[in-house]
Structures are given as structure tokens and as C-alpha cells.
Amino acid sequence: MTSSVPSSRLSDTGLPLGSSLPELPDYLKESIGAAWNQTGTIRVLLFASVYCTHCIDLLPHLQKIAETYPTFSIRLFTTGDEEDHRSMREFFGWDFPVSTMDQSDMEAYFEVTALPFMLLVDESDLVAAKGVVYNADDFKQIVQFNRIASS
């Protein structure tokens, strides 16, 4: 696994397992919209930058992830603008929300310092799994490890 963050620190990135999602400032709530408050569903928060090669390489895998896990509510946060997001949704055929978030906000509110990154939030609204994710197999491994760890 390659990342700009040393592997010893990858486990330190992202909100701690078992923690609640942060209270967000109004400007982020507005850009994220009503879909943010979906307590009772499993949510996948994906963080990516349009300037990150690994992040761009992940994009084609997101539709497969969405189809493999239809009960998960997926939301992608990128450093791109609305035009970038519209183009991505059209090109890849995504039907999940895509929102703009600065990398500084990813770090400040979600403690994400390595990209592309995912947080899996369980039905209780707690962080249940997290990790750097480069493709659908990485995503599957993180989800399966979480299920093994919780059983």
C-alpha cells in the first residue's frame, strides 16, 4: 500500500473507531445537504482529491462498490467543484451524492490525512471501520475485517 503518510500513521488517520461523527459548521451542512442525517443506515463516507492520482484511480471502482453494497448509503467528498461532480456523476453513472470539501476540512472535522480514505458509519451513528481505499477489493477487505472484528 502506498500513501503520502507513513504506514505507521495510517491507522491514526480518520476519526477513531467507535467515535461519533462531528458537528459540522453551517457552511458544510449546506453543501452536504439533508442526506447527512441518515441515522439508522450504514453510511460510507469517501474522501478524495481531484489532484490525487490514487483518488482518480479509485473513481471507476465506486459504481461497483455501490452495486455490491446496495444497502450502504454512499457519499463522496472531493476537492472538486460542482461542475467536476456533475461530470463525474454523468461519466460514471453514479446516483449517490457528491459534495465539495476542502482537504483542510477533511482533516479538521474527520481527521483524514491520507487519501483516498473511507469511513464506515454504522446504524448507531458510530465509526465502525476506516481505511485507505484504492479499489473495490480494498473496500471489501475493510468491510469484511470490520465484520470479523465485531463478531
C-alpha atoms as a PDB file:
ATOM      1  CA  MET A   1       0.000   0.000   0.000  1.00  0.00           C
ATOM      2  CA  THR A   2       1.397   3.383  -0.934  1.00  0.00           C
ATOM      3  CA  SER A   3       0.449   6.686   0.577  1.00  0.00           C
ATOM      4  CA  SER A   4       1.946  10.049   1.302  1.00  0.00           C
ATOM      5  CA  VAL A   5       1.554   9.191   5.004  1.00  0.00           C
ATOM      6  CA  PRO A   6       3.953   6.634   6.539  1.00  0.00           C
ATOM      7  CA  SER A   7       2.220   3.276   7.058  1.00  0.00           C
ATOM      8  CA  SER A   8       2.752   3.503  10.828  1.00  0.00           C
ATOM      9  CA  ARG A   9       0.483   6.559  10.822  1.00  0.00           C
ATOM     10  CA  LEU A  10      -2.257   5.238   8.509  1.00  0.00           C
ATOM     11  CA  SER A  11      -4.093   3.699  11.449  1.00  0.00           C
ATOM     12  CA  ASP A  12      -4.028   7.131  13.088  1.00  0.00           C
ATOM     13  CA  THR A  13      -5.853   8.844  10.248  1.00  0.00           C
ATOM     14  CA  GLY A  14      -9.607   9.230  10.294  1.00  0.00           C
ATOM     15  CA  LEU A  15     -11.914   9.530  13.271  1.00  0.00           C
ATOM     16  CA  PRO A  16     -11.260   6.883  15.939  1.00  0.00           C
ATOM     17  CA  LEU A  17     -13.254   3.652  15.717  1.00  0.00           C
ATOM     18  CA  GLY A  18     -16.357   3.892  17.902  1.00  0.00           C
ATOM     19  CA  SER A  19     -16.487   7.680  17.759  1.00  0.00           C
ATOM     20  CA  SER A  20     -19.461   9.782  16.684  1.00  0.00           C
ATOM     21  CA  LEU A  21     -19.469  11.998  13.633  1.00  0.00           C
ATOM     22  CA  PRO A  22     -18.539  15.598  14.354  1.00  0.00           C
ATOM     23  CA  GLU A  23     -20.877  18.548  14.490  1.00  0.00           C
ATOM     24  CA  LEU A  24     -20.221  20.390  11.243  1.00  0.00           C
ATOM     25  CA  PRO A  25     -20.235  24.143  10.656  1.00  0.00           C
ATOM     26  CA  ASP A  26     -23.220  25.590   8.788  1.00  0.00           C
ATOM     27  CA  TYR A  27     -21.337  26.112   5.518  1.00  0.00           C
ATOM     28  CA  LEU A  28     -20.507  22.378   5.356  1.00  0.00           C
ATOM     29  CA  LYS A  29     -24.034  21.343   6.367  1.00  0.00           C
ATOM     30  CA  GLU A  30     -25.394  23.447   3.496  1.00  0.00           C
ATOM     31  CA  SER A  31     -23.065  21.895   0.923  1.00  0.00           C
ATOM     32  CA  ILE A  32     -23.692  18.357   2.205  1.00  0.00           C
ATOM     33  CA  GLY A  33     -27.476  18.666   2.413  1.00  0.00           C
ATOM     34  CA  ALA A  34     -30.193  16.655   4.140  1.00  0.00           C
ATOM     35  CA  ALA A  35     -28.656  13.287   3.297  1.00  0.00           C
ATOM     36  CA  TRP A  36     -26.101  13.858   6.061  1.00  0.00           C
ATOM     37  CA  ASN A  37     -28.544  12.906   8.821  1.00  0.00           C
ATOM     38  CA  GLN A  38     -29.306   9.284   7.988  1.00  0.00           C
ATOM     39  CA  THR A  39     -29.119   7.638  11.392  1.00  0.00           C
ATOM     40  CA  GLY A  40     -30.246   4.015  11.160  1.00  0.00           C
ATOM     41  CA  THR A  41     -28.447   3.275   7.906  1.00  0.00           C
ATOM     42  CA  ILE A  42     -24.885   2.207   7.186  1.00  0.00           C
ATOM     43  CA  ARG A  43     -23.114   5.155   5.626  1.00  0.00           C
ATOM     44  CA  VAL A  44     -19.871   5.170   3.717  1.00  0.00           C
ATOM     45  CA  LEU A  45     -18.061   8.483   3.656  1.00  0.00           C
ATOM     46  CA  LEU A  46     -15.406   8.554   0.951  1.00  0.00           C
ATOM     47  CA  PHE A  47     -12.807  11.323   0.817  1.00  0.00           C
ATOM     48  CA  ALA A  48     -10.815  12.120  -2.328  1.00  0.00           C
ATOM     49  CA  SER A  49      -8.961  14.912  -4.061  1.00  0.00           C
ATOM     50  CA  VAL A  50      -9.200  15.716  -7.733  1.00  0.00           C
ATOM     51  CA  TYR A  51      -5.431  16.347  -7.566  1.00  0.00           C
ATOM     52  CA  CYS A  52      -4.533  12.895  -6.205  1.00  0.00           C
ATOM     53  CA  THR A  53      -3.636  10.127  -8.679  1.00  0.00           C
ATOM     54  CA  HIS A  54      -4.749   7.342  -6.319  1.00  0.00           C
ATOM     55  CA  CYS A  55      -8.048   9.159  -5.774  1.00  0.00           C
ATOM     56  CA  ILE A  56      -8.674   9.481  -9.510  1.00  0.00           C
ATOM     57  CA  ASP A  57      -7.846   5.770  -9.921  1.00  0.00           C
ATOM     58  CA  LEU A  58     -10.494   4.928  -7.281  1.00  0.00           C
ATOM     59  CA  LEU A  59     -13.340   6.697  -9.105  1.00  0.00           C
ATOM     60  CA  PRO A  60     -14.098   3.923 -11.652  1.00  0.00           C
ATOM     61  CA  HIS A  61     -14.462   1.440  -8.746  1.00  0.00           C
ATOM     62  CA  LEU A  62     -17.144   3.407  -6.915  1.00  0.00           C
ATOM     63  CA  GLN A  63     -20.057   2.189  -9.040  1.00  0.00           C
ATOM     64  CA  LYS A  64     -19.047  -1.436  -8.410  1.00  0.00           C
ATOM     65  CA  ILE A  65     -18.865  -0.697  -4.677  1.00  0.00           C
ATOM     66  CA  ALA A  66     -22.319   0.894  -4.773  1.00  0.00           C
ATOM     67  CA  GLU A  67     -23.748  -2.114  -6.652  1.00  0.00           C
ATOM     68  CA  THR A  68     -22.030  -4.670  -4.373  1.00  0.00           C
ATOM     69  CA  TYR A  69     -23.331  -2.940  -1.212  1.00  0.00           C
ATOM     70  CA  PRO A  70     -26.788  -1.629  -2.182  1.00  0.00           C
ATOM     71  CA  THR A  71     -27.891  -1.173   1.447  1.00  0.00           C
ATOM     72  CA  PHE A  72     -24.990   1.195   2.182  1.00  0.00           C
ATOM     73  CA  SER A  73     -25.587   4.904   1.761  1.00  0.00           C
ATOM     74  CA  ILE A  74     -22.510   6.228  -0.051  1.00  0.00           C
ATOM     75  CA  ARG A  75     -21.388   9.847  -0.040  1.00  0.00           C
ATOM     76  CA  LEU A  76     -18.272  11.081  -1.813  1.00  0.00           C
ATOM     77  CA  PHE A  77     -16.460  14.217  -0.669  1.00  0.00           C
ATOM     78  CA  THR A  78     -13.932  15.672  -3.099  1.00  0.00           C
ATOM     79  CA  THR A  79     -11.938  18.832  -3.547  1.00  0.00           C
ATOM     80  CA  GLY A  80     -13.667  19.303  -6.909  1.00  0.00           C
ATOM     81  CA  ASP A  81     -16.342  21.852  -7.704  1.00  0.00           C
ATOM     82  CA  GLU A  82     -19.964  21.289  -8.766  1.00  0.00           C
ATOM     83  CA  GLU A  83     -19.005  21.089 -12.449  1.00  0.00           C
ATOM     84  CA  ASP A  84     -16.420  18.393 -11.640  1.00  0.00           C
ATOM     85  CA  HIS A  85     -19.048  16.469  -9.678  1.00  0.00           C
ATOM     86  CA  ARG A  86     -21.677  16.722 -12.405  1.00  0.00           C
ATOM     87  CA  SER A  87     -19.169  15.457 -14.963  1.00  0.00           C
ATOM     88  CA  MET A  88     -18.112  12.554 -12.720  1.00  0.00           C
ATOM     89  CA  ARG A  89     -21.714  11.521 -11.967  1.00  0.00           C
ATOM     90  CA  GLU A  90     -22.604  11.581 -15.658  1.00  0.00           C
ATOM     91  CA  PHE A  91     -19.454   9.767 -16.807  1.00  0.00           C
ATOM     92  CA  PHE A  92     -19.535   7.025 -14.152  1.00  0.00           C
ATOM     93  CA  GLY A  93     -23.328   6.772 -13.807  1.00  0.00           C
ATOM     94  CA  TRP A  94     -23.331   7.419 -10.054  1.00  0.00           C
ATOM     95  CA  ASP A  95     -26.582   8.033  -8.235  1.00  0.00           C
ATOM     96  CA  PHE A  96     -25.019   8.757  -4.845  1.00  0.00           C
ATOM     97  CA  PRO A  97     -24.324  12.294  -3.597  1.00  0.00           C
ATOM     98  CA  VAL A  98     -21.008  14.006  -4.274  1.00  0.00           C
ATOM     99  CA  SER A  99     -20.084  17.095  -2.251  1.00  0.00           C
ATOM    100  CA  THR A 100     -17.235  19.565  -2.213  1.00  0.00           C
ATOM    101  CA  MET A 101     -14.963  19.575   0.815  1.00  0.00           C
ATOM    102  CA  ASP A 102     -11.554  21.198   1.175  1.00  0.00           C
ATOM    103  CA  GLN A 103      -8.734  18.934   2.317  1.00  0.00           C
ATOM    104  CA  SER A 104      -8.335  21.204   5.336  1.00  0.00           C
ATOM    105  CA  ASP A 105     -11.952  20.454   6.339  1.00  0.00           C
ATOM    106  CA  MET A 106     -11.423  16.716   5.774  1.00  0.00           C
ATOM    107  CA  GLU A 107      -8.585  16.879   8.265  1.00  0.00           C
ATOM    108  CA  ALA A 108     -10.191  19.302  10.714  1.00  0.00           C
ATOM    109  CA  TYR A 109     -13.567  17.531  11.050  1.00  0.00           C
ATOM    110  CA  PHE A 110     -12.866  13.916  10.063  1.00  0.00           C
ATOM    111  CA  GLU A 111      -9.126  13.641  10.900  1.00  0.00           C
ATOM    112  CA  VAL A 112      -8.466  12.362   7.372  1.00  0.00           C
ATOM    113  CA  THR A 113      -4.819  12.917   6.432  1.00  0.00           C
ATOM    114  CA  ALA A 114      -4.375  10.191   3.755  1.00  0.00           C
ATOM    115  CA  LEU A 115      -6.393   9.991   0.545  1.00  0.00           C
ATOM    116  CA  PRO A 116      -8.385   8.256  -0.801  1.00  0.00           C
ATOM    117  CA  PHE A 117      -9.974   7.339   2.518  1.00  0.00           C
ATOM    118  CA  MET A 118     -13.231   5.839   3.746  1.00  0.00           C
ATOM    119  CA  LEU A 119     -15.154   5.936   7.000  1.00  0.00           C
ATOM    120  CA  LEU A 120     -17.909   3.372   7.510  1.00  0.00           C
ATOM    121  CA  VAL A 121     -20.550   4.673   9.910  1.00  0.00           C
ATOM    122  CA  ASP A 122     -22.876   2.036  11.399  1.00  0.00           C
ATOM    123  CA  GLU A 123     -26.599   2.191  12.185  1.00  0.00           C
ATOM    124  CA  SER A 124     -25.791   3.597  15.637  1.00  0.00           C
ATOM    125  CA  ASP A 125     -24.038   6.564  14.004  1.00  0.00           C
ATOM    126  CA  LEU A 126     -20.579   5.443  15.154  1.00  0.00           C
ATOM    127  CA  VAL A 127     -17.420   4.941  13.087  1.00  0.00           C
ATOM    128  CA  ALA A 128     -17.258   1.158  12.613  1.00  0.00           C
ATOM    129  CA  ALA A 129     -14.450   0.858  10.054  1.00  0.00           C
ATOM    130  CA  LYS A 130     -11.984   3.087   8.259  1.00  0.00           C
ATOM    131  CA  GLY A 131      -9.058   2.892   5.935  1.00  0.00           C
ATOM    132  CA  VAL A 132      -7.230   3.982   2.838  1.00  0.00           C
ATOM    133  CA  VAL A 133      -9.082   2.533  -0.137  1.00  0.00           C
ATOM    134  CA  TYR A 134      -7.679   2.303  -3.667  1.00  0.00           C
ATOM    135  CA  ASN A 135     -10.224  -0.033  -5.299  1.00  0.00           C
ATOM    136  CA  ALA A 136     -13.261  -2.262  -4.723  1.00  0.00           C
ATOM    137  CA  ASP A 137     -11.117  -5.061  -3.240  1.00  0.00           C
ATOM    138  CA  ASP A 138      -9.661  -2.718  -0.615  1.00  0.00           C
ATOM    139  CA  PHE A 139     -13.179  -1.604   0.263  1.00  0.00           C
ATOM    140  CA  LYS A 140     -14.340  -5.213   0.600  1.00  0.00           C
ATOM    141  CA  GLN A 141     -11.378  -6.094   2.840  1.00  0.00           C
ATOM    142  CA  ILE A 142     -12.096  -3.173   5.185  1.00  0.00           C
ATOM    143  CA  VAL A 143     -15.787  -4.144   5.421  1.00  0.00           C
ATOM    144  CA  GLN A 144     -15.003  -7.844   5.941  1.00  0.00           C
ATOM    145  CA  PHE A 145     -12.397  -7.097   8.606  1.00  0.00           C
ATOM    146  CA  ASN A 146     -14.978  -4.997  10.424  1.00  0.00           C
ATOM    147  CA  ARG A 147     -17.500  -7.851  10.358  1.00  0.00           C
ATOM    148  CA  ILE A 148     -14.908 -10.329  11.650  1.00  0.00           C
ATOM    149  CA  ALA A 149     -13.797  -7.923  14.370  1.00  0.00           C
ATOM    150  CA  SER A 150     -17.375  -7.281  15.509  1.00  0.00           C
ATOM    151  CA  SER A 151     -18.491 -10.924  15.633  1.00  0.00           C
END
